[in-house]
Amino acid sequence: MVICPKCKSDRTAPILYGYPSHEAFEAAERGEILLGGCELIDSMPHEDYGCLECGYCWSKELLPATKITKIRYKVAENGPCTLDSRNVRIYEVYLDGKCVEYLYQGQCRRYQFKTEEKISNQRVYKLACRLQKIIGAPLWEKDIVEGQVCDGCSYELQITYADKRKEVIKGDVAGGTFDSMLEEFIHSVFNDER
């Protein structure tokens, strides 16, 4: 269920672009969809949801960084190690400055180690702004470097927004855009010497 990030209503609907069919007009009348018009600019982010209560329209890419509620960064070892000795680290960062690190060993679903740190919400806000600037940029302005390795570590970056949707980005920890940004931030928070 998608929640309006402005008024918190759950009466939201996806926006349909293009010339609507008869069925689309009927769905719009029932409040199942919103009609967005026929003109879109290629590779530009555009609103994909709207609120039936307050009329606000948005997309994850166009939301301000203050609408990010959680950043989850998962790093998993890959390569010749066995599944039982593989380390997985999960970092959760909240806008209030709470940062949590979990360490999982092997295939165990229970964490082996957990630590919490509290930092200024300004530091988290700066990270959220940097991430949202890349995510919300038009395709031709995105400056994303993808690093790839055969062995090493992979990552999954999950950003949760106030509308309850998530942006998921996956890749290898190899000096790319997102992984470099998160690795620098995480190491400064937890004072890791990895």
N, C-alpha and C. Protein backbone atom coordinates (compact mmCIF):
# COMPACT_ATOMS: atom_id res chain seq x y z
N MET A 1 0.84 -1.16 0.00
CA MET A 1 0.00 0.00 0.00
C MET A 1 0.89 1.24 0.00
N VAL A 2 0.64 2.13 -0.93
CA VAL A 2 1.41 3.37 -1.06
C VAL A 2 0.69 4.46 -0.26
N ILE A 3 1.46 5.18 0.55
CA ILE A 3 0.94 6.24 1.42
C ILE A 3 1.35 7.59 0.84
N CYS A 4 0.46 8.56 0.89
CA CYS A 4 0.80 9.90 0.42
C CYS A 4 1.84 10.51 1.36
N PRO A 5 3.00 10.94 0.83
CA PRO A 5 4.03 11.51 1.69
C PRO A 5 3.67 12.90 2.22
N LYS A 6 2.62 13.51 1.67
CA LYS A 6 2.22 14.85 2.11
C LYS A 6 1.16 14.79 3.21
N CYS A 7 0.03 14.08 2.96
CA CYS A 7 -1.06 14.07 3.93
C CYS A 7 -1.21 12.74 4.66
N LYS A 8 -0.39 11.74 4.33
CA LYS A 8 -0.39 10.41 4.96
C LYS A 8 -1.63 9.57 4.66
N SER A 9 -2.42 9.95 3.67
CA SER A 9 -3.60 9.19 3.28
C SER A 9 -3.18 7.92 2.55
N ASP A 10 -3.98 6.86 2.72
CA ASP A 10 -3.72 5.65 1.95
C ASP A 10 -4.60 5.57 0.71
N ARG A 11 -5.34 6.63 0.43
CA ARG A 11 -6.17 6.69 -0.78
C ARG A 11 -5.31 7.26 -1.92
N THR A 12 -4.45 6.42 -2.44
CA THR A 12 -3.55 6.81 -3.52
C THR A 12 -3.79 5.92 -4.72
N ALA A 13 -3.31 6.36 -5.87
CA ALA A 13 -3.48 5.58 -7.09
C ALA A 13 -2.30 5.83 -8.02
N PRO A 14 -1.94 4.82 -8.82
CA PRO A 14 -0.88 5.02 -9.81
C PRO A 14 -1.37 5.95 -10.92
N ILE A 15 -0.43 6.63 -11.54
CA ILE A 15 -0.74 7.55 -12.64
C ILE A 15 -0.48 6.83 -13.96
N LEU A 16 -1.45 6.88 -14.85
CA LEU A 16 -1.34 6.28 -16.18
C LEU A 16 -1.10 7.40 -17.18
N TYR A 17 -0.04 7.25 -17.98
CA TYR A 17 0.28 8.23 -19.02
C TYR A 17 -0.09 7.65 -20.38
N GLY A 18 -0.31 8.52 -21.32
CA GLY A 18 -0.68 8.11 -22.68
C GLY A 18 -2.16 8.34 -22.91
N TYR A 19 -2.59 8.08 -24.13
CA TYR A 19 -4.00 8.28 -24.45
C TYR A 19 -4.81 7.16 -23.80
N PRO A 20 -5.74 7.50 -22.89
CA PRO A 20 -6.44 6.46 -22.14
C PRO A 20 -7.50 5.73 -22.96
N SER A 21 -7.65 4.47 -22.67
CA SER A 21 -8.71 3.66 -23.29
C SER A 21 -10.02 3.90 -22.53
N HIS A 22 -11.09 3.32 -23.04
CA HIS A 22 -12.39 3.41 -22.36
C HIS A 22 -12.29 2.82 -20.95
N GLU A 23 -11.58 1.68 -20.84
CA GLU A 23 -11.42 1.03 -19.54
C GLU A 23 -10.62 1.92 -18.58
N ALA A 24 -9.64 2.63 -19.11
CA ALA A 24 -8.85 3.53 -18.27
C ALA A 24 -9.70 4.68 -17.74
N PHE A 25 -10.57 5.23 -18.58
CA PHE A 25 -11.48 6.29 -18.12
C PHE A 25 -12.37 5.77 -16.98
N GLU A 26 -12.87 4.55 -17.13
CA GLU A 26 -13.73 3.96 -16.09
C GLU A 26 -12.94 3.72 -14.80
N ALA A 27 -11.71 3.24 -14.92
CA ALA A 27 -10.87 3.02 -13.74
C ALA A 27 -10.56 4.34 -13.05
N ALA A 28 -10.35 5.40 -13.81
CA ALA A 28 -10.10 6.72 -13.22
C ALA A 28 -11.34 7.22 -12.48
N GLU A 29 -12.50 6.99 -13.02
CA GLU A 29 -13.73 7.39 -12.35
C GLU A 29 -13.93 6.64 -11.03
N ARG A 30 -13.48 5.39 -10.96
CA ARG A 30 -13.58 4.60 -9.74
C ARG A 30 -12.46 4.94 -8.74
N GLY A 31 -11.48 5.75 -9.15
CA GLY A 31 -10.37 6.10 -8.28
C GLY A 31 -9.28 5.07 -8.22
N GLU A 32 -9.24 4.18 -9.21
CA GLU A 32 -8.21 3.13 -9.24
C GLU A 32 -6.91 3.62 -9.87
N ILE A 33 -7.02 4.60 -10.76
CA ILE A 33 -5.84 5.20 -11.40
C ILE A 33 -6.09 6.70 -11.55
N LEU A 34 -5.02 7.42 -11.82
CA LEU A 34 -5.10 8.83 -12.19
C LEU A 34 -4.58 8.95 -13.61
N LEU A 35 -5.16 9.84 -14.38
CA LEU A 35 -4.71 10.05 -15.75
C LEU A 35 -3.68 11.17 -15.76
N GLY A 36 -2.53 10.87 -16.35
CA GLY A 36 -1.40 11.81 -16.31
C GLY A 36 -1.16 12.61 -17.57
N GLY A 37 -1.92 12.35 -18.61
CA GLY A 37 -1.69 13.08 -19.85
C GLY A 37 -0.90 12.26 -20.84
N CYS A 38 -0.66 12.85 -21.99
CA CYS A 38 -0.03 12.11 -23.09
C CYS A 38 1.43 12.49 -23.33
N GLU A 39 1.93 13.52 -22.67
CA GLU A 39 3.29 13.97 -22.97
C GLU A 39 4.25 13.63 -21.84
N LEU A 40 5.32 12.97 -22.19
CA LEU A 40 6.41 12.64 -21.29
C LEU A 40 7.72 12.97 -21.96
N ILE A 41 8.69 13.37 -21.18
CA ILE A 41 10.03 13.60 -21.71
C ILE A 41 10.84 12.35 -21.42
N ASP A 42 11.40 11.74 -22.45
CA ASP A 42 12.18 10.51 -22.27
C ASP A 42 13.29 10.71 -21.25
N SER A 43 13.50 9.69 -20.46
CA SER A 43 14.59 9.61 -19.49
C SER A 43 14.47 10.60 -18.34
N MET A 44 13.37 11.32 -18.25
CA MET A 44 13.15 12.25 -17.14
C MET A 44 12.27 11.57 -16.10
N PRO A 45 12.57 11.74 -14.82
CA PRO A 45 11.65 11.22 -13.82
C PRO A 45 10.31 11.97 -13.91
N HIS A 46 9.23 11.27 -13.69
CA HIS A 46 7.91 11.91 -13.71
C HIS A 46 7.05 11.28 -12.61
N GLU A 47 6.04 12.00 -12.18
CA GLU A 47 5.18 11.51 -11.11
C GLU A 47 4.55 10.18 -11.52
N ASP A 48 4.54 9.23 -10.61
CA ASP A 48 3.93 7.94 -10.93
C ASP A 48 2.83 7.55 -9.94
N TYR A 49 2.61 8.37 -8.91
CA TYR A 49 1.52 8.15 -7.96
C TYR A 49 0.89 9.48 -7.60
N GLY A 50 -0.39 9.42 -7.25
CA GLY A 50 -1.09 10.62 -6.82
C GLY A 50 -2.02 10.30 -5.67
N CYS A 51 -2.34 11.33 -4.88
CA CYS A 51 -3.22 11.18 -3.73
C CYS A 51 -4.62 11.60 -4.11
N LEU A 52 -5.59 10.77 -3.80
CA LEU A 52 -6.99 11.07 -4.09
C LEU A 52 -7.58 12.02 -3.05
N GLU A 53 -6.91 12.20 -1.92
CA GLU A 53 -7.39 13.10 -0.86
C GLU A 53 -6.92 14.53 -1.09
N CYS A 54 -5.60 14.73 -1.22
CA CYS A 54 -5.06 16.10 -1.29
C CYS A 54 -4.63 16.51 -2.70
N GLY A 55 -4.57 15.55 -3.63
CA GLY A 55 -4.20 15.87 -5.00
C GLY A 55 -2.70 15.92 -5.28
N TYR A 56 -1.88 15.65 -4.28
CA TYR A 56 -0.43 15.67 -4.44
C TYR A 56 0.01 14.53 -5.35
N CYS A 57 0.92 14.79 -6.28
CA CYS A 57 1.48 13.78 -7.17
C CYS A 57 2.99 13.73 -6.97
N TRP A 58 3.57 12.54 -7.04
CA TRP A 58 4.99 12.37 -6.75
C TRP A 58 5.52 11.09 -7.38
N SER A 59 6.84 10.94 -7.32
CA SER A 59 7.52 9.68 -7.60
C SER A 59 8.67 9.58 -6.60
N LYS A 60 9.19 8.39 -6.40
CA LYS A 60 10.31 8.23 -5.47
C LYS A 60 11.48 9.10 -5.88
N GLU A 61 11.71 9.16 -7.19
CA GLU A 61 12.87 9.89 -7.70
C GLU A 61 12.77 11.40 -7.48
N LEU A 62 11.55 11.92 -7.40
CA LEU A 62 11.36 13.36 -7.26
C LEU A 62 11.11 13.82 -5.83
N LEU A 63 11.02 12.89 -4.89
CA LEU A 63 10.81 13.26 -3.49
C LEU A 63 12.07 13.91 -2.93
N PRO A 64 11.92 14.84 -1.99
CA PRO A 64 13.10 15.40 -1.34
C PRO A 64 13.74 14.37 -0.40
N ALA A 65 14.99 14.57 -0.07
CA ALA A 65 15.72 13.63 0.79
C ALA A 65 15.08 13.49 2.16
N THR A 66 14.32 14.47 2.61
CA THR A 66 13.65 14.38 3.91
C THR A 66 12.57 13.31 3.91
N LYS A 67 12.16 12.83 2.75
CA LYS A 67 11.14 11.78 2.65
C LYS A 67 11.75 10.39 2.63
N ILE A 68 13.06 10.28 2.79
CA ILE A 68 13.70 8.98 2.96
C ILE A 68 13.60 8.63 4.44
N THR A 69 13.05 7.45 4.74
CA THR A 69 12.89 7.06 6.13
C THR A 69 13.96 6.08 6.61
N LYS A 70 14.56 5.35 5.67
CA LYS A 70 15.57 4.36 6.06
C LYS A 70 16.48 4.05 4.88
N ILE A 71 17.76 3.91 5.19
CA ILE A 71 18.75 3.46 4.21
C ILE A 71 19.31 2.15 4.74
N ARG A 72 19.21 1.10 3.93
CA ARG A 72 19.70 -0.22 4.32
C ARG A 72 20.76 -0.65 3.32
N TYR A 73 21.95 -0.93 3.82
CA TYR A 73 23.08 -1.28 2.97
C TYR A 73 23.57 -2.66 3.41
N LYS A 74 23.48 -3.63 2.51
CA LYS A 74 23.87 -5.02 2.80
C LYS A 74 25.11 -5.36 1.98
N VAL A 75 26.14 -5.87 2.64
CA VAL A 75 27.38 -6.27 1.97
C VAL A 75 27.61 -7.75 2.25
N ALA A 76 27.75 -8.55 1.19
CA ALA A 76 27.93 -9.99 1.33
C ALA A 76 29.22 -10.43 0.65
N GLU A 77 29.99 -11.28 1.33
CA GLU A 77 31.21 -11.83 0.75
C GLU A 77 30.85 -12.84 -0.33
N ASN A 78 31.57 -12.82 -1.42
CA ASN A 78 31.38 -13.77 -2.52
C ASN A 78 32.71 -14.43 -2.81
N GLY A 79 32.67 -15.50 -3.56
CA GLY A 79 33.93 -16.10 -4.01
C GLY A 79 34.13 -17.49 -3.47
N PRO A 80 35.39 -17.86 -3.27
CA PRO A 80 35.71 -19.26 -2.96
C PRO A 80 35.37 -19.69 -1.53
N CYS A 81 34.81 -18.82 -0.71
CA CYS A 81 34.50 -19.23 0.66
C CYS A 81 33.27 -20.15 0.67
N THR A 82 33.17 -20.95 1.68
CA THR A 82 32.00 -21.83 1.78
C THR A 82 30.83 -21.03 2.34
N LEU A 83 29.63 -21.53 2.14
CA LEU A 83 28.45 -20.83 2.63
C LEU A 83 28.43 -20.71 4.15
N ASP A 84 29.08 -21.65 4.86
CA ASP A 84 29.06 -21.61 6.31
C ASP A 84 30.00 -20.57 6.91
N SER A 85 30.99 -20.11 6.15
CA SER A 85 31.93 -19.13 6.70
C SER A 85 31.75 -17.73 6.08
N ARG A 86 30.78 -17.58 5.25
CA ARG A 86 30.54 -16.30 4.58
C ARG A 86 30.00 -15.25 5.57
N ASN A 87 30.54 -14.05 5.50
CA ASN A 87 30.06 -12.95 6.33
C ASN A 87 29.14 -12.05 5.54
N VAL A 88 28.07 -11.64 6.18
CA VAL A 88 27.14 -10.67 5.61
C VAL A 88 26.96 -9.58 6.64
N ARG A 89 27.17 -8.35 6.23
CA ARG A 89 26.97 -7.20 7.11
C ARG A 89 25.79 -6.38 6.58
N ILE A 90 24.93 -6.00 7.50
CA ILE A 90 23.79 -5.15 7.15
C ILE A 90 23.87 -3.89 8.00
N TYR A 91 23.77 -2.76 7.32
CA TYR A 91 23.79 -1.46 7.99
C TYR A 91 22.44 -0.78 7.75
N GLU A 92 21.82 -0.34 8.81
CA GLU A 92 20.57 0.40 8.70
C GLU A 92 20.80 1.80 9.24
N VAL A 93 20.42 2.78 8.44
CA VAL A 93 20.62 4.19 8.79
C VAL A 93 19.27 4.88 8.74
N TYR A 94 18.93 5.55 9.83
CA TYR A 94 17.64 6.25 9.94
C TYR A 94 17.89 7.76 9.97
N LEU A 95 16.91 8.53 9.53
CA LEU A 95 17.08 9.99 9.44
C LEU A 95 17.26 10.65 10.80
N ASP A 96 16.87 10.00 11.89
CA ASP A 96 17.07 10.60 13.21
C ASP A 96 18.51 10.44 13.71
N GLY A 97 19.37 9.78 12.92
CA GLY A 97 20.77 9.62 13.29
C GLY A 97 21.11 8.25 13.85
N LYS A 98 20.13 7.39 14.01
CA LYS A 98 20.38 6.04 14.52
C LYS A 98 20.98 5.20 13.40
N CYS A 99 22.11 4.54 13.70
CA CYS A 99 22.79 3.66 12.74
C CYS A 99 23.02 2.31 13.43
N VAL A 100 22.64 1.23 12.76
CA VAL A 100 22.76 -0.10 13.34
C VAL A 100 23.54 -0.98 12.37
N GLU A 101 24.48 -1.75 12.93
CA GLU A 101 25.26 -2.70 12.14
C GLU A 101 24.95 -4.11 12.64
N TYR A 102 24.67 -5.03 11.70
CA TYR A 102 24.43 -6.43 12.02
C TYR A 102 25.45 -7.27 11.27
N LEU A 103 25.99 -8.28 11.92
CA LEU A 103 26.90 -9.23 11.28
C LEU A 103 26.26 -10.61 11.33
N TYR A 104 26.14 -11.23 10.16
CA TYR A 104 25.61 -12.58 10.04
C TYR A 104 26.74 -13.48 9.56
N GLN A 105 26.80 -14.71 10.09
CA GLN A 105 27.83 -15.67 9.71
C GLN A 105 27.17 -16.84 9.01
N GLY A 106 27.71 -17.22 7.86
CA GLY A 106 27.21 -18.39 7.14
C GLY A 106 25.76 -18.22 6.72
N GLN A 107 25.00 -19.28 6.91
CA GLN A 107 23.59 -19.27 6.51
C GLN A 107 22.65 -18.98 7.68
N CYS A 108 23.20 -18.65 8.82
CA CYS A 108 22.40 -18.38 10.01
C CYS A 108 21.53 -17.14 9.78
N ARG A 109 20.27 -17.25 10.15
CA ARG A 109 19.33 -16.14 9.96
C ARG A 109 19.31 -15.21 11.17
N ARG A 110 20.04 -15.56 12.19
CA ARG A 110 20.14 -14.73 13.39
C ARG A 110 21.51 -14.05 13.39
N TYR A 111 21.50 -12.77 13.66
CA TYR A 111 22.77 -12.05 13.63
C TYR A 111 23.70 -12.50 14.76
N GLN A 112 25.00 -12.48 14.47
CA GLN A 112 26.02 -12.87 15.44
C GLN A 112 26.49 -11.68 16.27
N PHE A 113 26.33 -10.50 15.69
CA PHE A 113 26.86 -9.30 16.32
C PHE A 113 25.98 -8.12 15.91
N LYS A 114 25.72 -7.24 16.85
CA LYS A 114 24.92 -6.04 16.57
C LYS A 114 25.53 -4.88 17.34
N THR A 115 25.65 -3.75 16.67
CA THR A 115 26.11 -2.54 17.35
C THR A 115 25.30 -1.36 16.85
N GLU A 116 25.10 -0.40 17.73
CA GLU A 116 24.35 0.80 17.39
C GLU A 116 25.20 2.02 17.66
N GLU A 117 25.08 2.99 16.79
CA GLU A 117 25.73 4.27 16.95
C GLU A 117 24.70 5.37 16.72
N LYS A 118 24.91 6.48 17.36
CA LYS A 118 24.03 7.64 17.15
C LYS A 118 24.90 8.77 16.63
N ILE A 119 24.51 9.31 15.48
CA ILE A 119 25.24 10.42 14.89
C ILE A 119 24.26 11.57 14.68
N SER A 120 24.75 12.69 14.24
CA SER A 120 23.86 13.83 14.01
C SER A 120 22.95 13.54 12.82
N ASN A 121 21.71 13.98 12.93
CA ASN A 121 20.80 13.77 11.81
C ASN A 121 21.22 14.58 10.60
N GLN A 122 22.06 15.59 10.79
CA GLN A 122 22.60 16.36 9.65
C GLN A 122 23.51 15.50 8.78
N ARG A 123 24.31 14.63 9.39
CA ARG A 123 25.18 13.74 8.61
C ARG A 123 24.36 12.76 7.79
N VAL A 124 23.29 12.24 8.39
CA VAL A 124 22.43 11.31 7.66
C VAL A 124 21.70 12.05 6.55
N TYR A 125 21.25 13.26 6.83
CA TYR A 125 20.55 14.07 5.83
C TYR A 125 21.47 14.35 4.62
N LYS A 126 22.74 14.64 4.87
CA LYS A 126 23.68 14.88 3.77
C LYS A 126 23.83 13.63 2.90
N LEU A 127 23.91 12.46 3.55
CA LEU A 127 24.00 11.21 2.79
C LEU A 127 22.73 11.02 1.97
N ALA A 128 21.57 11.23 2.59
CA ALA A 128 20.29 11.07 1.88
C ALA A 128 20.21 12.02 0.69
N CYS A 129 20.69 13.25 0.86
CA CYS A 129 20.69 14.22 -0.25
C CYS A 129 21.58 13.75 -1.40
N ARG A 130 22.75 13.22 -1.07
CA ARG A 130 23.66 12.73 -2.10
C ARG A 130 23.04 11.56 -2.87
N LEU A 131 22.41 10.64 -2.15
CA LEU A 131 21.77 9.50 -2.80
C LEU A 131 20.59 9.95 -3.66
N GLN A 132 19.75 10.81 -3.12
CA GLN A 132 18.55 11.25 -3.84
C GLN A 132 18.91 12.09 -5.06
N LYS A 133 20.02 12.83 -4.98
CA LYS A 133 20.45 13.62 -6.13
C LYS A 133 20.78 12.72 -7.32
N ILE A 134 21.41 11.59 -7.06
CA ILE A 134 21.75 10.65 -8.14
C ILE A 134 20.50 9.93 -8.63
N ILE A 135 19.68 9.46 -7.69
CA ILE A 135 18.48 8.71 -8.06
C ILE A 135 17.50 9.57 -8.84
N GLY A 136 17.35 10.83 -8.46
CA GLY A 136 16.37 11.71 -9.10
C GLY A 136 16.86 12.44 -10.33
N ALA A 137 18.11 12.25 -10.69
CA ALA A 137 18.66 12.96 -11.85
C ALA A 137 18.11 12.38 -13.16
N PRO A 138 17.94 13.23 -14.17
CA PRO A 138 17.58 12.70 -15.49
C PRO A 138 18.66 11.72 -15.95
N LEU A 139 18.27 10.79 -16.79
CA LEU A 139 19.17 9.73 -17.23
C LEU A 139 20.49 10.27 -17.78
N TRP A 140 20.43 11.34 -18.56
CA TRP A 140 21.66 11.86 -19.18
C TRP A 140 22.56 12.58 -18.19
N GLU A 141 22.05 12.89 -16.97
CA GLU A 141 22.87 13.56 -15.97
C GLU A 141 23.37 12.62 -14.88
N LYS A 142 22.87 11.40 -14.86
CA LYS A 142 23.29 10.47 -13.82
C LYS A 142 24.76 10.14 -14.01
N ASP A 143 25.49 10.25 -12.92
CA ASP A 143 26.91 9.96 -12.95
C ASP A 143 27.15 8.72 -12.09
N ILE A 144 26.80 7.57 -12.64
CA ILE A 144 26.90 6.32 -11.89
C ILE A 144 28.03 5.49 -12.47
N VAL A 145 28.95 5.12 -11.61
CA VAL A 145 30.06 4.25 -11.99
C VAL A 145 29.75 2.87 -11.42
N GLU A 146 29.77 1.86 -12.27
CA GLU A 146 29.53 0.48 -11.83
C GLU A 146 30.86 -0.26 -11.83
N GLY A 147 31.27 -0.73 -10.67
CA GLY A 147 32.47 -1.55 -10.59
C GLY A 147 32.06 -3.01 -10.54
N GLN A 148 32.82 -3.89 -11.19
CA GLN A 148 32.49 -5.31 -11.16
C GLN A 148 33.73 -6.12 -10.85
N VAL A 149 33.54 -7.11 -9.98
CA VAL A 149 34.63 -8.01 -9.61
C VAL A 149 34.12 -9.44 -9.67
N CYS A 150 35.00 -10.39 -9.86
CA CYS A 150 34.60 -11.81 -9.87
C CYS A 150 34.42 -12.33 -8.46
N ASP A 151 35.40 -12.07 -7.62
CA ASP A 151 35.33 -12.43 -6.21
C ASP A 151 35.31 -11.14 -5.42
N GLY A 152 34.97 -11.23 -4.18
CA GLY A 152 34.94 -10.03 -3.36
C GLY A 152 33.60 -9.90 -2.68
N CYS A 153 33.02 -8.71 -2.72
CA CYS A 153 31.77 -8.45 -2.03
C CYS A 153 30.75 -7.82 -2.96
N SER A 154 29.51 -8.22 -2.77
CA SER A 154 28.41 -7.60 -3.50
C SER A 154 27.62 -6.76 -2.50
N TYR A 155 26.83 -5.83 -3.02
CA TYR A 155 26.02 -5.01 -2.12
C TYR A 155 24.59 -4.91 -2.64
N GLU A 156 23.71 -4.59 -1.70
CA GLU A 156 22.34 -4.26 -2.03
C GLU A 156 21.98 -3.02 -1.21
N LEU A 157 21.66 -1.96 -1.89
CA LEU A 157 21.25 -0.71 -1.26
C LEU A 157 19.74 -0.61 -1.39
N GLN A 158 19.08 -0.45 -0.25
CA GLN A 158 17.62 -0.35 -0.23
C GLN A 158 17.24 0.95 0.47
N ILE A 159 16.55 1.81 -0.25
CA ILE A 159 16.13 3.10 0.29
C ILE A 159 14.62 3.06 0.45
N THR A 160 14.14 3.28 1.66
CA THR A 160 12.70 3.28 1.94
C THR A 160 12.24 4.72 2.04
N TYR A 161 11.13 5.00 1.36
CA TYR A 161 10.58 6.36 1.32
C TYR A 161 9.34 6.46 2.20
N ALA A 162 8.91 7.69 2.47
CA ALA A 162 7.75 7.95 3.31
C ALA A 162 6.47 7.37 2.71
N ASP A 163 6.45 7.12 1.41
CA ASP A 163 5.25 6.55 0.79
C ASP A 163 5.24 5.01 0.89
N LYS A 164 6.21 4.45 1.62
CA LYS A 164 6.34 3.01 1.89
C LYS A 164 6.93 2.22 0.71
N ARG A 165 7.31 2.91 -0.36
CA ARG A 165 7.97 2.19 -1.47
C ARG A 165 9.47 2.17 -1.24
N LYS A 166 10.14 1.27 -1.96
CA LYS A 166 11.59 1.10 -1.81
C LYS A 166 12.28 1.18 -3.16
N GLU A 167 13.45 1.76 -3.14
CA GLU A 167 14.36 1.76 -4.29
C GLU A 167 15.45 0.77 -3.96
N VAL A 168 15.69 -0.22 -4.81
CA VAL A 168 16.71 -1.24 -4.56
C VAL A 168 17.76 -1.17 -5.66
N ILE A 169 19.03 -1.05 -5.25
CA ILE A 169 20.16 -0.96 -6.18
C ILE A 169 21.15 -2.04 -5.77
N LYS A 170 21.58 -2.85 -6.74
CA LYS A 170 22.52 -3.94 -6.46
C LYS A 170 23.78 -3.76 -7.28
N GLY A 171 24.88 -4.26 -6.76
CA GLY A 171 26.14 -4.20 -7.49
C GLY A 171 27.26 -4.85 -6.72
N ASP A 172 28.47 -4.68 -7.21
CA ASP A 172 29.67 -5.19 -6.56
C ASP A 172 30.37 -4.04 -5.84
N VAL A 173 30.94 -4.35 -4.68
CA VAL A 173 31.74 -3.36 -3.96
C VAL A 173 33.09 -3.30 -4.67
N ALA A 174 33.22 -2.32 -5.54
CA ALA A 174 34.43 -2.23 -6.36
C ALA A 174 34.77 -0.78 -6.72
N GLY A 175 34.40 0.14 -5.88
CA GLY A 175 34.74 1.54 -6.15
C GLY A 175 33.78 2.22 -7.09
N GLY A 176 32.53 1.76 -7.13
CA GLY A 176 31.52 2.43 -7.94
C GLY A 176 30.93 3.61 -7.19
N THR A 177 29.87 4.17 -7.71
CA THR A 177 29.28 5.38 -7.13
C THR A 177 28.63 5.11 -5.78
N PHE A 178 27.60 4.24 -5.76
CA PHE A 178 26.85 4.01 -4.54
C PHE A 178 27.68 3.32 -3.47
N ASP A 179 28.43 2.28 -3.86
CA ASP A 179 29.21 1.55 -2.87
C ASP A 179 30.30 2.42 -2.26
N SER A 180 30.96 3.25 -3.05
CA SER A 180 31.99 4.13 -2.50
C SER A 180 31.39 5.12 -1.50
N MET A 181 30.25 5.68 -1.86
CA MET A 181 29.58 6.63 -1.00
C MET A 181 29.18 5.99 0.33
N LEU A 182 28.58 4.79 0.26
CA LEU A 182 28.13 4.11 1.48
C LEU A 182 29.29 3.57 2.29
N GLU A 183 30.30 3.02 1.64
CA GLU A 183 31.45 2.49 2.36
C GLU A 183 32.14 3.60 3.16
N GLU A 184 32.32 4.75 2.55
CA GLU A 184 32.94 5.88 3.24
C GLU A 184 32.10 6.29 4.45
N PHE A 185 30.81 6.37 4.27
CA PHE A 185 29.92 6.77 5.35
C PHE A 185 29.94 5.74 6.49
N ILE A 186 29.77 4.47 6.16
CA ILE A 186 29.71 3.39 7.15
C ILE A 186 31.01 3.30 7.94
N HIS A 187 32.13 3.41 7.26
CA HIS A 187 33.43 3.30 7.93
C HIS A 187 33.63 4.47 8.89
N SER A 188 33.14 5.64 8.53
CA SER A 188 33.29 6.79 9.42
C SER A 188 32.38 6.67 10.64
N VAL A 189 31.23 6.06 10.49
CA VAL A 189 30.29 5.90 11.62
C VAL A 189 30.76 4.82 12.58
N PHE A 190 31.16 3.67 12.06
CA PHE A 190 31.52 2.55 12.91
C PHE A 190 33.02 2.41 13.13
N ASN A 191 33.81 3.36 12.63
CA ASN A 191 35.27 3.36 12.81
C ASN A 191 35.90 2.02 12.44
N ASP A 192 35.43 1.46 11.33
CA ASP A 192 35.95 0.17 10.87
C ASP A 192 37.32 0.34 10.24
N GLU A 193 38.13 -0.66 10.38
CA GLU A 193 39.46 -0.68 9.78
C GLU A 193 39.54 -1.74 8.70
N ARG A 194 38.45 -1.91 7.95
CA ARG A 194 38.43 -2.96 6.92
C ARG A 194 39.20 -2.58 5.72
